[in-house]
Amino acid sequence: QGRLQLDQAPKNLVATVLFSDLVDFTRLSSELRAERMSRILNAYL
């Protein structure tokens, strides 16, 4: 609606970053079948 501008030009600011990661999911994904793994990951995300 034009009430907020998503500036394309990069700018300096102070922001907060949150990083999350599942423990040993890479190993688990190699053990699970693709269908089961995708169900879990899609539900999680």
PDB file of all heavy atoms in Angstrom:
ATOM      1  N   GLN A   1       0.812  -1.219   0.000  1.00  0.00           N
ATOM      2  CA  GLN A   1       0.000   0.000   0.000  1.00  0.00           C
ATOM      3  C   GLN A   1       0.845   1.269   0.000  1.00  0.00           C
ATOM      4  O   GLN A   1       0.302   2.374  -0.055  1.00  0.00           O
ATOM      5  CB  GLN A   1      -0.926   0.010   1.226  1.00  0.00           C
ATOM      6  CG  GLN A   1      -1.967  -1.092   1.220  1.00  0.00           C
ATOM      7  CD  GLN A   1      -2.964  -0.953   0.091  1.00  0.00           C
ATOM      8  OE1 GLN A   1      -3.158   0.135  -0.441  1.00  0.00           O
ATOM      9  NE2 GLN A   1      -3.596  -2.054  -0.295  1.00  0.00           N
ATOM     10  N   GLY A   2       2.180   1.108   0.084  1.00  0.00           N
ATOM     11  CA  GLY A   2       3.057   2.267   0.048  1.00  0.00           C
ATOM     12  C   GLY A   2       3.271   2.943   1.379  1.00  0.00           C
ATOM     13  O   GLY A   2       3.875   4.021   1.449  1.00  0.00           O
ATOM     14  N   ARG A   3       2.783   2.339   2.463  1.00  0.00           N
ATOM     15  CA  ARG A   3       2.958   2.941   3.785  1.00  0.00           C
ATOM     16  C   ARG A   3       4.333   2.652   4.371  1.00  0.00           C
ATOM     17  O   ARG A   3       4.771   3.314   5.309  1.00  0.00           O
ATOM     18  CB  ARG A   3       1.872   2.424   4.743  1.00  0.00           C
ATOM     19  CG  ARG A   3       0.459   2.851   4.364  1.00  0.00           C
ATOM     20  CD  ARG A   3      -0.535   2.484   5.444  1.00  0.00           C
ATOM     21  NE  ARG A   3      -0.705   1.058   5.566  1.00  0.00           N
ATOM     22  CZ  ARG A   3      -1.634   0.350   4.929  1.00  0.00           C
ATOM     23  NH1 ARG A   3      -2.471   0.973   4.097  1.00  0.00           N
ATOM     24  NH2 ARG A   3      -1.734  -0.947   5.092  1.00  0.00           N
ATOM     25  N   LEU A   4       5.031   1.654   3.826  1.00  0.00           N
ATOM     26  CA  LEU A   4       6.367   1.301   4.291  1.00  0.00           C
ATOM     27  C   LEU A   4       7.232   1.052   3.074  1.00  0.00           C
ATOM     28  O   LEU A   4       6.810   0.395   2.117  1.00  0.00           O
ATOM     29  CB  LEU A   4       6.325   0.042   5.179  1.00  0.00           C
ATOM     30  CG  LEU A   4       7.671  -0.497   5.677  1.00  0.00           C
ATOM     31  CD1 LEU A   4       8.299   0.509   6.635  1.00  0.00           C
ATOM     32  CD2 LEU A   4       7.479  -1.836   6.385  1.00  0.00           C
ATOM     33  N   GLN A   5       8.454   1.595   3.101  1.00  0.00           N
ATOM     34  CA  GLN A   5       9.358   1.449   1.977  1.00  0.00           C
ATOM     35  C   GLN A   5      10.395   0.383   2.272  1.00  0.00           C
ATOM     36  O   GLN A   5      11.081   0.432   3.284  1.00  0.00           O
ATOM     37  CB  GLN A   5      10.073   2.784   1.692  1.00  0.00           C
ATOM     38  CG  GLN A   5      10.950   2.778   0.462  1.00  0.00           C
ATOM     39  CD  GLN A   5      10.148   2.698  -0.824  1.00  0.00           C
ATOM     40  OE1 GLN A   5       9.047   3.213  -0.895  1.00  0.00           O
ATOM     41  NE2 GLN A   5      10.697   2.057  -1.837  1.00  0.00           N
ATOM     42  N   LEU A   6      10.479  -0.603   1.382  1.00  0.00           N
ATOM     43  CA  LEU A   6      11.524  -1.607   1.493  1.00  0.00           C
ATOM     44  C   LEU A   6      12.684  -1.141   0.631  1.00  0.00           C
ATOM     45  O   LEU A   6      12.745  -1.397  -0.561  1.00  0.00           O
ATOM     46  CB  LEU A   6      11.025  -2.978   1.028  1.00  0.00           C
ATOM     47  CG  LEU A   6      11.999  -4.152   1.184  1.00  0.00           C
ATOM     48  CD1 LEU A   6      12.361  -4.354   2.650  1.00  0.00           C
ATOM     49  CD2 LEU A   6      11.398  -5.431   0.624  1.00  0.00           C
ATOM     50  N   ASP A   7      13.596  -0.395   1.242  1.00  0.00           N
ATOM     51  CA  ASP A   7      14.679   0.223   0.487  1.00  0.00           C
ATOM     52  C   ASP A   7      15.558  -0.827  -0.162  1.00  0.00           C
ATOM     53  O   ASP A   7      15.974  -1.788   0.481  1.00  0.00           O
ATOM     54  CB  ASP A   7      15.539   1.092   1.412  1.00  0.00           C
ATOM     55  CG  ASP A   7      14.766   2.277   1.955  1.00  0.00           C
ATOM     56  OD1 ASP A   7      13.887   2.788   1.244  1.00  0.00           O
ATOM     57  OD2 ASP A   7      15.026   2.668   3.089  1.00  0.00           O
ATOM     58  N   GLN A   8      15.846  -0.631  -1.441  1.00  0.00           N
ATOM     59  CA  GLN A   8      16.742  -1.541  -2.131  1.00  0.00           C
ATOM     60  C   GLN A   8      18.194  -1.204  -1.831  1.00  0.00           C
ATOM     61  O   GLN A   8      19.054  -2.058  -1.871  1.00  0.00           O
ATOM     62  CB  GLN A   8      16.475  -1.504  -3.636  1.00  0.00           C
ATOM     63  CG  GLN A   8      15.110  -2.054  -4.005  1.00  0.00           C
ATOM     64  CD  GLN A   8      15.007  -2.360  -5.487  1.00  0.00           C
ATOM     65  OE1 GLN A   8      15.991  -2.308  -6.207  1.00  0.00           O
ATOM     66  NE2 GLN A   8      13.814  -2.686  -5.937  1.00  0.00           N
ATOM     67  N   ALA A   9      18.484   0.075  -1.565  1.00  0.00           N
ATOM     68  CA  ALA A   9      19.858   0.463  -1.280  1.00  0.00           C
ATOM     69  C   ALA A   9      20.244   0.005   0.128  1.00  0.00           C
ATOM     70  O   ALA A   9      19.545   0.299   1.095  1.00  0.00           O
ATOM     71  CB  ALA A   9      19.997   1.973  -1.385  1.00  0.00           C
ATOM     72  N   PRO A  10      21.351  -0.737   0.286  1.00  0.00           N
ATOM     73  CA  PRO A  10      21.779  -1.167   1.619  1.00  0.00           C
ATOM     74  C   PRO A  10      22.027   0.031   2.535  1.00  0.00           C
ATOM     75  O   PRO A  10      22.456   1.094   2.089  1.00  0.00           O
ATOM     76  CB  PRO A  10      23.076  -1.935   1.332  1.00  0.00           C
ATOM     77  CG  PRO A  10      22.946  -2.394  -0.087  1.00  0.00           C
ATOM     78  CD  PRO A  10      22.204  -1.285  -0.782  1.00  0.00           C
ATOM     79  N   LYS A  11      21.728  -0.140   3.822  1.00  0.00           N
ATOM     80  CA  LYS A  11      21.941   0.942   4.773  1.00  0.00           C
ATOM     81  C   LYS A  11      22.436   0.378   6.093  1.00  0.00           C
ATOM     82  O   LYS A  11      22.210  -0.789   6.424  1.00  0.00           O
ATOM     83  CB  LYS A  11      20.662   1.739   4.979  1.00  0.00           C
ATOM     84  CG  LYS A  11      19.496   0.930   5.527  1.00  0.00           C
ATOM     85  CD  LYS A  11      18.259   1.801   5.671  1.00  0.00           C
ATOM     86  CE  LYS A  11      17.071   1.014   6.197  1.00  0.00           C
ATOM     87  NZ  LYS A  11      15.864   1.848   6.332  1.00  0.00           N
ATOM     88  N   ASN A  12      23.133   1.218   6.856  1.00  0.00           N
ATOM     89  CA  ASN A  12      23.649   0.836   8.167  1.00  0.00           C
ATOM     90  C   ASN A  12      22.571   1.048   9.224  1.00  0.00           C
ATOM     91  O   ASN A  12      21.897   2.083   9.234  1.00  0.00           O
ATOM     92  CB  ASN A  12      24.877   1.690   8.520  1.00  0.00           C
ATOM     93  CG  ASN A  12      26.057   1.392   7.629  1.00  0.00           C
ATOM     94  OD1 ASN A  12      26.768   0.423   7.826  1.00  0.00           O
ATOM     95  ND2 ASN A  12      26.271   2.237   6.629  1.00  0.00           N
ATOM     96  N   LEU A  13      22.418   0.069  10.095  1.00  0.00           N
ATOM     97  CA  LEU A  13      21.490   0.201  11.210  1.00  0.00           C
ATOM     98  C   LEU A  13      21.865  -0.795  12.298  1.00  0.00           C
ATOM     99  O   LEU A  13      22.715  -1.670  12.101  1.00  0.00           O
ATOM    100  CB  LEU A  13      20.039  -0.003  10.748  1.00  0.00           C
ATOM    101  CG  LEU A  13      19.691  -1.237   9.900  1.00  0.00           C
ATOM    102  CD1 LEU A  13      19.616  -2.496  10.728  1.00  0.00           C
ATOM    103  CD2 LEU A  13      18.351  -1.019   9.211  1.00  0.00           C
ATOM    104  N   VAL A  14      21.210  -0.659  13.436  1.00  0.00           N
ATOM    105  CA  VAL A  14      21.378  -1.611  14.533  1.00  0.00           C
ATOM    106  C   VAL A  14      20.162  -2.515  14.547  1.00  0.00           C
ATOM    107  O   VAL A  14      19.025  -2.043  14.637  1.00  0.00           O
ATOM    108  CB  VAL A  14      21.533  -0.891  15.883  1.00  0.00           C
ATOM    109  CG1 VAL A  14      21.555  -1.913  17.022  1.00  0.00           C
ATOM    110  CG2 VAL A  14      22.801  -0.055  15.902  1.00  0.00           C
ATOM    111  N   ALA A  15      20.400  -3.803  14.434  1.00  0.00           N
ATOM    112  CA  ALA A  15      19.316  -4.780  14.418  1.00  0.00           C
ATOM    113  C   ALA A  15      19.718  -5.989  15.252  1.00  0.00           C
ATOM    114  O   ALA A  15      20.872  -6.122  15.680  1.00  0.00           O
ATOM    115  CB  ALA A  15      18.973  -5.198  12.990  1.00  0.00           C
ATOM    116  N   THR A  16      18.761  -6.867  15.480  1.00  0.00           N
ATOM    117  CA  THR A  16      18.987  -8.074  16.268  1.00  0.00           C
ATOM    118  C   THR A  16      18.873  -9.288  15.354  1.00  0.00           C
ATOM    119  O   THR A  16      17.959  -9.369  14.538  1.00  0.00           O
ATOM    120  CB  THR A  16      17.965  -8.177  17.412  1.00  0.00           C
ATOM    121  OG1 THR A  16      18.130  -7.043  18.270  1.00  0.00           O
ATOM    122  CG2 THR A  16      18.170  -9.452  18.217  1.00  0.00           C
ATOM    123  N   VAL A  17      19.835 -10.203  15.508  1.00  0.00           N
ATOM    124  CA  VAL A  17      19.872 -11.412  14.684  1.00  0.00           C
ATOM    125  C   VAL A  17      19.634 -12.629  15.563  1.00  0.00           C
ATOM    126  O   VAL A  17      20.244 -12.770  16.635  1.00  0.00           O
ATOM    127  CB  VAL A  17      21.225 -11.557  13.962  1.00  0.00           C
ATOM    128  CG1 VAL A  17      21.219 -12.791  13.065  1.00  0.00           C
ATOM    129  CG2 VAL A  17      21.531 -10.324  13.150  1.00  0.00           C
ATOM    130  N   LEU A  18      18.740 -13.495  15.113  1.00  0.00           N
ATOM    131  CA  LEU A  18      18.492 -14.783  15.772  1.00  0.00           C
ATOM    132  C   LEU A  18      18.877 -15.888  14.799  1.00  0.00           C
ATOM    133  O   LEU A  18      18.398 -15.907  13.661  1.00  0.00           O
ATOM    134  CB  LEU A  18      17.029 -14.902  16.174  1.00  0.00           C
ATOM    135  CG  LEU A  18      16.559 -16.187  16.873  1.00  0.00           C
ATOM    136  CD1 LEU A  18      15.329 -15.900  17.747  1.00  0.00           C
ATOM    137  CD2 LEU A  18      16.219 -17.307  15.889  1.00  0.00           C
ATOM    138  N   PHE A  19      19.762 -16.772  15.246  1.00  0.00           N
ATOM    139  CA  PHE A  19      20.127 -17.949  14.462  1.00  0.00           C
ATOM    140  C   PHE A  19      19.597 -19.186  15.169  1.00  0.00           C
ATOM    141  O   PHE A  19      19.768 -19.335  16.384  1.00  0.00           O
ATOM    142  CB  PHE A  19      21.650 -18.075  14.335  1.00  0.00           C
ATOM    143  CG  PHE A  19      22.206 -17.496  13.073  1.00  0.00           C
ATOM    144  CD1 PHE A  19      22.877 -16.289  13.084  1.00  0.00           C
ATOM    145  CD2 PHE A  19      22.063 -18.163  11.861  1.00  0.00           C
ATOM    146  CE1 PHE A  19      23.393 -15.750  11.929  1.00  0.00           C
ATOM    147  CE2 PHE A  19      22.573 -17.630  10.690  1.00  0.00           C
ATOM    148  CZ  PHE A  19      23.250 -16.426  10.724  1.00  0.00           C
ATOM    149  N   SER A  20      18.962 -20.081  14.417  1.00  0.00           N
ATOM    150  CA  SER A  20      18.537 -21.358  14.989  1.00  0.00           C
ATOM    151  C   SER A  20      18.988 -22.496  14.083  1.00  0.00           C
ATOM    152  O   SER A  20      19.136 -22.319  12.866  1.00  0.00           O
ATOM    153  CB  SER A  20      17.004 -21.402  15.154  1.00  0.00           C
ATOM    154  OG  SER A  20      16.372 -21.474  13.892  1.00  0.00           O
ATOM    155  N   ASP A  21      19.194 -23.671  14.699  1.00  0.00           N
ATOM    156  CA  ASP A  21      19.681 -24.823  13.941  1.00  0.00           C
ATOM    157  C   ASP A  21      19.260 -26.092  14.684  1.00  0.00           C
ATOM    158  O   ASP A  21      19.334 -26.147  15.920  1.00  0.00           O
ATOM    159  CB  ASP A  21      21.203 -24.760  13.823  1.00  0.00           C
ATOM    160  CG  ASP A  21      21.751 -25.769  12.827  1.00  0.00           C
ATOM    161  OD1 ASP A  21      20.997 -26.185  11.935  1.00  0.00           O
ATOM    162  OD2 ASP A  21      22.933 -26.148  12.957  1.00  0.00           O
ATOM    163  N   LEU A  22      18.812 -27.085  13.940  1.00  0.00           N
ATOM    164  CA  LEU A  22      18.466 -28.360  14.554  1.00  0.00           C
ATOM    165  C   LEU A  22      19.721 -29.196  14.764  1.00  0.00           C
ATOM    166  O   LEU A  22      20.601 -29.250  13.892  1.00  0.00           O
ATOM    167  CB  LEU A  22      17.476 -29.126  13.665  1.00  0.00           C
ATOM    168  CG  LEU A  22      16.074 -28.524  13.541  1.00  0.00           C
ATOM    169  CD1 LEU A  22      15.237 -29.340  12.564  1.00  0.00           C
ATOM    170  CD2 LEU A  22      15.391 -28.453  14.897  1.00  0.00           C
ATOM    171  N   VAL A  23      19.804 -29.847  15.887  1.00  0.00           N
ATOM    172  CA  VAL A  23      20.987 -30.634  16.245  1.00  0.00           C
ATOM    173  C   VAL A  23      21.004 -31.941  15.448  1.00  0.00           C
ATOM    174  O   VAL A  23      20.011 -32.688  15.445  1.00  0.00           O
ATOM    175  CB  VAL A  23      21.000 -30.931  17.759  1.00  0.00           C
ATOM    176  CG1 VAL A  23      22.216 -31.786  18.129  1.00  0.00           C
ATOM    177  CG2 VAL A  23      20.986 -29.632  18.556  1.00  0.00           C
ATOM    178  N   ASP A  24      22.114 -32.196  14.767  1.00  0.00           N
ATOM    179  CA  ASP A  24      22.341 -33.452  14.029  1.00  0.00           C
ATOM    180  C   ASP A  24      21.295 -33.731  12.959  1.00  0.00           C
ATOM    181  O   ASP A  24      21.069 -34.878  12.596  1.00  0.00           O
ATOM    182  CB  ASP A  24      22.384 -34.647  15.005  1.00  0.00           C
ATOM    183  CG  ASP A  24      23.660 -34.676  15.821  1.00  0.00           C
ATOM    184  OD1 ASP A  24      24.667 -34.106  15.364  1.00  0.00           O
ATOM    185  OD2 ASP A  24      23.650 -35.271  16.904  1.00  0.00           O
ATOM    186  N   PHE A  25      20.663 -32.683  12.431  1.00  0.00           N
ATOM    187  CA  PHE A  25      19.643 -32.936  11.415  1.00  0.00           C
ATOM    188  C   PHE A  25      20.265 -33.408  10.105  1.00  0.00           C
ATOM    189  O   PHE A  25      19.639 -34.181   9.365  1.00  0.00           O
ATOM    190  CB  PHE A  25      18.803 -31.680  11.167  1.00  0.00           C
ATOM    191  CG  PHE A  25      17.594 -31.942  10.319  1.00  0.00           C
ATOM    192  CD1 PHE A  25      16.453 -32.520  10.869  1.00  0.00           C
ATOM    193  CD2 PHE A  25      17.581 -31.631   8.966  1.00  0.00           C
ATOM    194  CE1 PHE A  25      15.335 -32.769  10.087  1.00  0.00           C
ATOM    195  CE2 PHE A  25      16.469 -31.885   8.180  1.00  0.00           C
ATOM    196  CZ  PHE A  25      15.344 -32.452   8.750  1.00  0.00           C
ATOM    197  N   THR A  26      21.479 -32.948   9.810  1.00  0.00           N
ATOM    198  CA  THR A  26      22.148 -33.407   8.587  1.00  0.00           C
ATOM    199  C   THR A  26      22.351 -34.909   8.619  1.00  0.00           C
ATOM    200  O   THR A  26      22.088 -35.616   7.627  1.00  0.00           O
ATOM    201  CB  THR A  26      23.496 -32.697   8.414  1.00  0.00           C
ATOM    202  OG1 THR A  26      23.281 -31.270   8.365  1.00  0.00           O
ATOM    203  CG2 THR A  26      24.181 -33.150   7.134  1.00  0.00           C
ATOM    204  N   ARG A  27      22.808 -35.414   9.763  1.00  0.00           N
ATOM    205  CA  ARG A  27      22.995 -36.866   9.892  1.00  0.00           C
ATOM    206  C   ARG A  27      21.649 -37.577   9.807  1.00  0.00           C
ATOM    207  O   ARG A  27      21.520 -38.603   9.119  1.00  0.00           O
ATOM    208  CB  ARG A  27      23.664 -37.188  11.230  1.00  0.00           C
ATOM    209  CG  ARG A  27      23.801 -38.691  11.507  1.00  0.00           C
ATOM    210  CD  ARG A  27      24.218 -38.943  12.942  1.00  0.00           C
ATOM    211  NE  ARG A  27      23.284 -38.370  13.878  1.00  0.00           N
ATOM    212  CZ  ARG A  27      22.113 -38.944  14.196  1.00  0.00           C
ATOM    213  NH1 ARG A  27      21.735 -40.077  13.609  1.00  0.00           N
ATOM    214  NH2 ARG A  27      21.319 -38.374  15.085  1.00  0.00           N
ATOM    215  N   LEU A  28      20.647 -37.007  10.454  1.00  0.00           N
ATOM    216  CA  LEU A  28      19.333 -37.639  10.458  1.00  0.00           C
ATOM    217  C   LEU A  28      18.746 -37.689   9.049  1.00  0.00           C
ATOM    218  O   LEU A  28      18.131 -38.695   8.660  1.00  0.00           O
ATOM    219  CB  LEU A  28      18.394 -36.869  11.386  1.00  0.00           C
ATOM    220  CG  LEU A  28      16.969 -37.415  11.530  1.00  0.00           C
ATOM    221  CD1 LEU A  28      16.988 -38.793  12.173  1.00  0.00           C
ATOM    222  CD2 LEU A  28      16.115 -36.449  12.347  1.00  0.00           C
ATOM    223  N   SER A  29      18.938 -36.627   8.274  1.00  0.00           N
ATOM    224  CA  SER A  29      18.367 -36.588   6.933  1.00  0.00           C
ATOM    225  C   SER A  29      18.975 -37.644   6.021  1.00  0.00           C
ATOM    226  O   SER A  29      18.333 -38.100   5.070  1.00  0.00           O
ATOM    227  CB  SER A  29      18.560 -35.195   6.312  1.00  0.00           C
ATOM    228  OG  SER A  29      19.932 -34.895   6.167  1.00  0.00           O
ATOM    229  N   SER A  30      20.212 -38.043   6.310  1.00  0.00           N
ATOM    230  CA  SER A  30      20.834 -39.091   5.497  1.00  0.00           C
ATOM    231  C   SER A  30      20.313 -40.480   5.866  1.00  0.00           C
ATOM    232  O   SER A  30      20.475 -41.431   5.094  1.00  0.00           O
ATOM    233  CB  SER A  30      22.360 -39.046   5.665  1.00  0.00           C
ATOM    234  OG  SER A  30      22.728 -39.371   7.007  1.00  0.00           O
ATOM    235  N   GLU A  31      19.686 -40.589   7.038  1.00  0.00           N
ATOM    236  CA  GLU A  31      19.167 -41.872   7.488  1.00  0.00           C
ATOM    237  C   GLU A  31      17.687 -42.055   7.156  1.00  0.00           C
ATOM    238  O   GLU A  31      17.213 -43.191   7.048  1.00  0.00           O
ATOM    239  CB  GLU A  31      19.371 -42.010   9.007  1.00  0.00           C
ATOM    240  CG  GLU A  31      20.837 -41.963   9.441  1.00  0.00           C
ATOM    241  CD  GLU A  31      20.987 -41.955  10.946  1.00  0.00           C
ATOM    242  OE1 GLU A  31      19.934 -41.897  11.636  1.00  0.00           O
ATOM    243  OE2 GLU A  31      22.119 -41.978  11.441  1.00  0.00           O
ATOM    244  N   LEU A  32      16.963 -40.933   7.015  1.00  0.00           N
ATOM    245  CA  LEU A  32      15.526 -41.015   6.756  1.00  0.00           C
ATOM    246  C   LEU A  32      15.246 -41.064   5.258  1.00  0.00           C
ATOM    247  O   LEU A  32      16.015 -40.548   4.452  1.00  0.00           O
ATOM    248  CB  LEU A  32      14.809 -39.798   7.358  1.00  0.00           C
ATOM    249  CG  LEU A  32      14.865 -39.633   8.875  1.00  0.00           C
ATOM    250  CD1 LEU A  32      14.166 -38.343   9.271  1.00  0.00           C
ATOM    251  CD2 LEU A  32      14.235 -40.819   9.575  1.00  0.00           C
ATOM    252  N   ARG A  33      14.133 -41.646   4.904  1.00  0.00           N
ATOM    253  CA  ARG A  33      13.695 -41.615   3.515  1.00  0.00           C
ATOM    254  C   ARG A  33      13.232 -40.199   3.180  1.00  0.00           C
ATOM    255  O   ARG A  33      12.816 -39.436   4.059  1.00  0.00           O
ATOM    256  CB  ARG A  33      12.574 -42.617   3.291  1.00  0.00           C
ATOM    257  CG  ARG A  33      12.997 -44.053   3.562  1.00  0.00           C
ATOM    258  CD  ARG A  33      11.910 -45.038   3.209  1.00  0.00           C
ATOM    259  NE  ARG A  33      11.589 -44.998   1.771  1.00  0.00           N
ATOM    260  CZ  ARG A  33      10.820 -45.903   1.178  1.00  0.00           C
ATOM    261  NH1 ARG A  33      10.287 -46.902   1.882  1.00  0.00           N
ATOM    262  NH2 ARG A  33      10.560 -45.814  -0.105  1.00  0.00           N
ATOM    263  N   ALA A  34      13.311 -39.842   1.898  1.00  0.00           N
ATOM    264  CA  ALA A  34      13.047 -38.471   1.472  1.00  0.00           C
ATOM    265  C   ALA A  34      11.653 -37.998   1.890  1.00  0.00           C
ATOM    266  O   ALA A  34      11.484 -36.860   2.343  1.00  0.00           O
ATOM    267  CB  ALA A  34      13.205 -38.360  -0.044  1.00  0.00           C
ATOM    268  N   GLU A  35      10.647 -38.847   1.753  1.00  0.00           N
ATOM    269  CA  GLU A  35       9.293 -38.444   2.088  1.00  0.00           C
ATOM    270  C   GLU A  35       9.159 -38.091   3.563  1.00  0.00           C
ATOM    271  O   GLU A  35       8.570 -37.075   3.923  1.00  0.00           O
ATOM    272  CB  GLU A  35       8.306 -39.553   1.726  1.00  0.00           C
ATOM    273  CG  GLU A  35       6.865 -39.196   2.037  1.00  0.00           C
ATOM    274  CD  GLU A  35       5.900 -40.332   1.742  1.00  0.00           C
ATOM    275  OE1 GLU A  35       6.356 -41.405   1.262  1.00  0.00           O
ATOM    276  OE2 GLU A  35       4.703 -40.163   1.998  1.00  0.00           O
ATOM    277  N   ARG A  36       9.721 -38.935   4.418  1.00  0.00           N
ATOM    278  CA  ARG A  36       9.619 -38.682   5.861  1.00  0.00           C
ATOM    279  C   ARG A  36      10.404 -37.432   6.238  1.00  0.00           C
ATOM    280  O   ARG A  36       9.936 -36.599   7.020  1.00  0.00           O
ATOM    281  CB  ARG A  36      10.141 -39.886   6.635  1.00  0.00           C
ATOM    282  CG  ARG A  36      10.045 -39.701   8.156  1.00  0.00           C
ATOM    283  CD  ARG A  36      10.643 -40.864   8.912  1.00  0.00           C
ATOM    284  NE  ARG A  36       9.947 -42.118   8.634  1.00  0.00           N
ATOM    285  CZ  ARG A  36      10.246 -43.269   9.241  1.00  0.00           C
ATOM    286  NH1 ARG A  36      11.233 -43.308  10.130  1.00  0.00           N
ATOM    287  NH2 ARG A  36       9.571 -44.361   8.953  1.00  0.00           N
ATOM    288  N   MET A  37      11.592 -37.289   5.680  1.00  0.00           N
ATOM    289  CA  MET A  37      12.418 -36.131   6.000  1.00  0.00           C
ATOM    290  C   MET A  37      11.733 -34.836   5.571  1.00  0.00           C
ATOM    291  O   MET A  37      11.732 -33.846   6.307  1.00  0.00           O
ATOM    292  CB  MET A  37      13.782 -36.267   5.315  1.00  0.00           C
ATOM    293  CG  MET A  37      14.799 -35.189   5.720  1.00  0.00           C
ATOM    294  SD  MET A  37      14.661 -33.682   4.741  1.00  0.00           S
ATOM    295  CE  MET A  37      15.209 -34.300   3.144  1.00  0.00           C
ATOM    296  N   SER A  38      11.131 -34.816   4.370  1.00  0.00           N
ATOM    297  CA  SER A  38      10.482 -33.603   3.883  1.00  0.00           C
ATOM    298  C   SER A  38       9.258 -33.262   4.728  1.00  0.00           C
ATOM    299  O   SER A  38       8.975 -32.082   4.968  1.00  0.00           O
ATOM    300  CB  SER A  38      10.089 -33.765   2.411  1.00  0.00           C
ATOM    301  OG  SER A  38       9.140 -34.799   2.242  1.00  0.00           O
ATOM    302  N   ARG A  39       8.519 -34.273   5.186  1.00  0.00           N
ATOM    303  CA  ARG A  39       7.372 -34.014   6.056  1.00  0.00           C
ATOM    304  C   ARG A  39       7.818 -33.342   7.344  1.00  0.00           C
ATOM    305  O   ARG A  39       7.191 -32.373   7.805  1.00  0.00           O
ATOM    306  CB  ARG A  39       6.644 -35.326   6.377  1.00  0.00           C
ATOM    307  CG  ARG A  39       5.804 -35.887   5.236  1.00  0.00           C
ATOM    308  CD  ARG A  39       5.144 -37.199   5.648  1.00  0.00           C
ATOM    309  NE  ARG A  39       4.291 -37.042   6.820  1.00  0.00           N
ATOM    310  CZ  ARG A  39       3.756 -38.058   7.490  1.00  0.00           C
ATOM    311  NH1 ARG A  39       4.009 -39.313   7.105  1.00  0.00           N
ATOM    312  NH2 ARG A  39       2.974 -37.831   8.533  1.00  0.00           N
ATOM    313  N   ILE A  40       8.888 -33.840   7.922  1.00  0.00           N
ATOM    314  CA  ILE A  40       9.394 -33.274   9.176  1.00  0.00           C
ATOM    315  C   ILE A  40       9.891 -31.853   8.960  1.00  0.00           C
ATOM    316  O   ILE A  40       9.533 -30.923   9.703  1.00  0.00           O
ATOM    317  CB  ILE A  40      10.520 -34.162   9.745  1.00  0.00           C
ATOM    318  CG1 ILE A  40       9.952 -35.509  10.179  1.00  0.00           C
ATOM    319  CG2 ILE A  40      11.215 -33.459  10.903  1.00  0.00           C
ATOM    320  CD1 ILE A  40      11.017 -36.510  10.581  1.00  0.00           C
ATOM    321  N   LEU A  41      10.726 -31.654   7.932  1.00  0.00           N
ATOM    322  CA  LEU A  41      11.325 -30.342   7.707  1.00  0.00           C
ATOM    323  C   LEU A  41      10.271 -29.302   7.340  1.00  0.00           C
ATOM    324  O   LEU A  41      10.305 -28.173   7.848  1.00  0.00           O
ATOM    325  CB  LEU A  41      12.388 -30.436   6.612  1.00  0.00           C
ATOM    326  CG  LEU A  41      13.193 -29.152   6.349  1.00  0.00           C
ATOM    327  CD1 LEU A  41      13.896 -28.690   7.619  1.00  0.00           C
ATOM    328  CD2 LEU A  41      14.206 -29.371   5.225  1.00  0.00           C
ATOM    329  N   ASN A  42       9.330 -29.659   6.487  1.00  0.00           N
ATOM    330  CA  ASN A  42       8.305 -28.696   6.092  1.00  0.00           C
ATOM    331  C   ASN A  42       7.396 -28.321   7.266  1.00  0.00           C
ATOM    332  O   ASN A  42       7.014 -27.158   7.416  1.00  0.00           O
ATOM    333  CB  ASN A  42       7.464 -29.253   4.939  1.00  0.00           C
ATOM    334  CG  ASN A  42       8.215 -29.262   3.626  1.00  0.00           C
ATOM    335  OD1 ASN A  42       9.134 -28.471   3.421  1.00  0.00           O
ATOM    336  ND2 ASN A  42       7.841 -30.159   2.730  1.00  0.00           N
ATOM    337  N   ALA A  43       7.051 -29.304   8.086  1.00  0.00           N
ATOM    338  CA  ALA A  43       6.232 -29.009   9.264  1.00  0.00           C
ATOM    339  C   ALA A  43       6.996 -28.106  10.232  1.00  0.00           C
ATOM    340  O   ALA A  43       6.428 -27.172  10.822  1.00  0.00           O
ATOM    341  CB  ALA A  43       5.823 -30.307   9.954  1.00  0.00           C
ATOM    342  N   TYR A  44       8.282 -28.387  10.392  1.00  0.00           N
ATOM    343  CA  TYR A  44       9.126 -27.586  11.286  1.00  0.00           C
ATOM    344  C   TYR A  44       9.237 -26.143  10.793  1.00  0.00           C
ATOM    345  O   TYR A  44       9.007 -25.198  11.561  1.00  0.00           O
ATOM    346  CB  TYR A  44      10.510 -28.230  11.377  1.00  0.00           C
ATOM    347  CG  TYR A  44      11.575 -27.349  11.972  1.00  0.00           C
ATOM    348  CD1 TYR A  44      11.609 -27.075  13.335  1.00  0.00           C
ATOM    349  CD2 TYR A  44      12.564 -26.781  11.163  1.00  0.00           C
ATOM    350  CE1 TYR A  44      12.593 -26.257  13.872  1.00  0.00           C
ATOM    351  CE2 TYR A  44      13.545 -25.973  11.693  1.00  0.00           C
ATOM    352  CZ  TYR A  44      13.557 -25.711  13.042  1.00  0.00           C
ATOM    353  OH  TYR A  44      14.524 -24.908  13.574  1.00  0.00           O
ATOM    354  N   LEU A  45       9.567 -25.952   9.515  1.00  0.00           N
ATOM    355  CA  LEU A  45       9.745 -24.605   8.982  1.00  0.00           C
ATOM    356  C   LEU A  45       8.426 -23.829   8.972  1.00  0.00           C
ATOM    357  O   LEU A  45       8.418 -22.629   9.228  1.00  0.00           O
ATOM    358  CB  LEU A  45      10.332 -24.674   7.577  1.00  0.00           C
ATOM    359  CG  LEU A  45      11.766 -25.224   7.475  1.00  0.00           C
ATOM    360  CD1 LEU A  45      12.203 -25.300   6.021  1.00  0.00           C
ATOM    361  CD2 LEU A  45      12.736 -24.372   8.286  1.00  0.00           C
TER     362      LEU A  45
END
